[in-house]
């Protein structure tokens, strides 16, 4: 399993982060200063809001089908 985080920015765009991001005035950024994020479909994870105080931790699991 791979631990990652998802968070929504002020414009409601949804992102997946490799490292835990921190919230600034309009977006979530990675503390390391690196940009290792992926934009996700905005319709996914409707429970994740800009108003959240922390990003949402998720685990990715690779399966062999």
Protein backbone atom coordinates (compact mmCIF):
# COMPACT_ATOMS: atom_id res chain seq x y z
CA UNK A 1 0.00 0.00 0.00
CA UNK A 2 1.06 3.56 -0.70
CA UNK A 3 0.08 6.37 1.68
CA UNK A 4 -0.96 9.61 -0.08
CA UNK A 5 -3.21 12.60 0.63
CA UNK A 6 -6.07 14.29 -1.19
CA UNK A 7 -7.19 17.89 -0.74
CA UNK A 8 -9.35 20.43 -2.49
CA UNK A 9 -8.14 23.97 -3.20
CA UNK A 10 -10.15 27.18 -2.88
CA UNK A 11 -11.43 26.84 -6.48
CA UNK A 12 -12.70 23.31 -5.67
CA UNK A 13 -10.03 21.53 -7.75
CA UNK A 14 -9.08 18.17 -6.24
CA UNK A 15 -5.46 16.99 -5.97
CA UNK A 16 -3.56 13.89 -4.93
CA UNK A 17 -0.26 14.49 -3.09
CA UNK A 18 2.69 12.15 -2.52
CA UNK A 19 3.61 13.89 0.74
CA UNK A 20 1.32 15.50 3.31
CA UNK A 21 0.55 19.06 2.17
CA UNK A 22 -0.08 22.16 4.26
CA UNK A 23 -2.81 24.71 3.62
CA UNK A 24 -2.05 28.30 2.63
CA UNK A 25 -4.43 31.10 1.60
CA UNK A 26 -5.72 29.45 -1.60
CA UNK A 27 -4.10 26.05 -2.13
CA UNK A 28 -2.49 23.09 -0.42
CA UNK A 29 1.27 22.83 -0.92
CA UNK A 30 3.83 20.22 -0.04
CA UNK A 31 6.14 21.24 2.81
CA UNK A 32 9.16 19.97 0.90
CA UNK A 33 8.63 22.60 -1.79
CA UNK A 34 8.55 19.92 -4.46
CA UNK A 35 5.56 19.66 -6.73
CA UNK A 36 4.48 16.04 -6.84
CA UNK A 37 0.74 16.31 -7.24
CA UNK A 38 -1.85 14.94 -9.59
CA UNK A 39 -5.12 16.65 -10.43
CA UNK A 40 -8.15 14.41 -9.96
CA UNK A 41 -11.67 14.55 -11.33
CA UNK A 42 -13.48 17.21 -9.27
CA UNK A 43 -16.50 14.90 -8.86
CA UNK A 44 -14.50 12.38 -6.85
CA UNK A 45 -14.52 12.47 -3.06
CA UNK A 46 -17.31 15.04 -2.52
CA UNK A 47 -16.68 14.77 1.22
CA UNK A 48 -13.27 16.45 0.78
CA UNK A 49 -13.78 20.21 1.15
CA UNK A 50 -11.62 23.34 0.98
CA UNK A 51 -12.80 24.10 4.51
CA UNK A 52 -11.08 20.95 5.84
CA UNK A 53 -8.34 21.79 8.31
CA UNK A 54 -6.25 18.76 7.29
CA UNK A 55 -5.80 16.88 4.01
CA UNK A 56 -7.47 13.47 3.76
CA UNK A 57 -5.10 10.54 4.02
CA UNK A 58 -5.71 7.73 1.53
CA UNK A 59 -4.01 4.41 0.84
CA UNK A 60 -3.50 3.15 -2.68
CA UNK A 61 -3.34 -0.57 -3.15
CA UNK A 62 -2.09 -2.30 -6.27
CA UNK A 63 -3.90 -5.51 -7.08
CA UNK A 64 -3.17 -8.13 -9.67
CA UNK A 65 -6.29 -9.09 -11.58
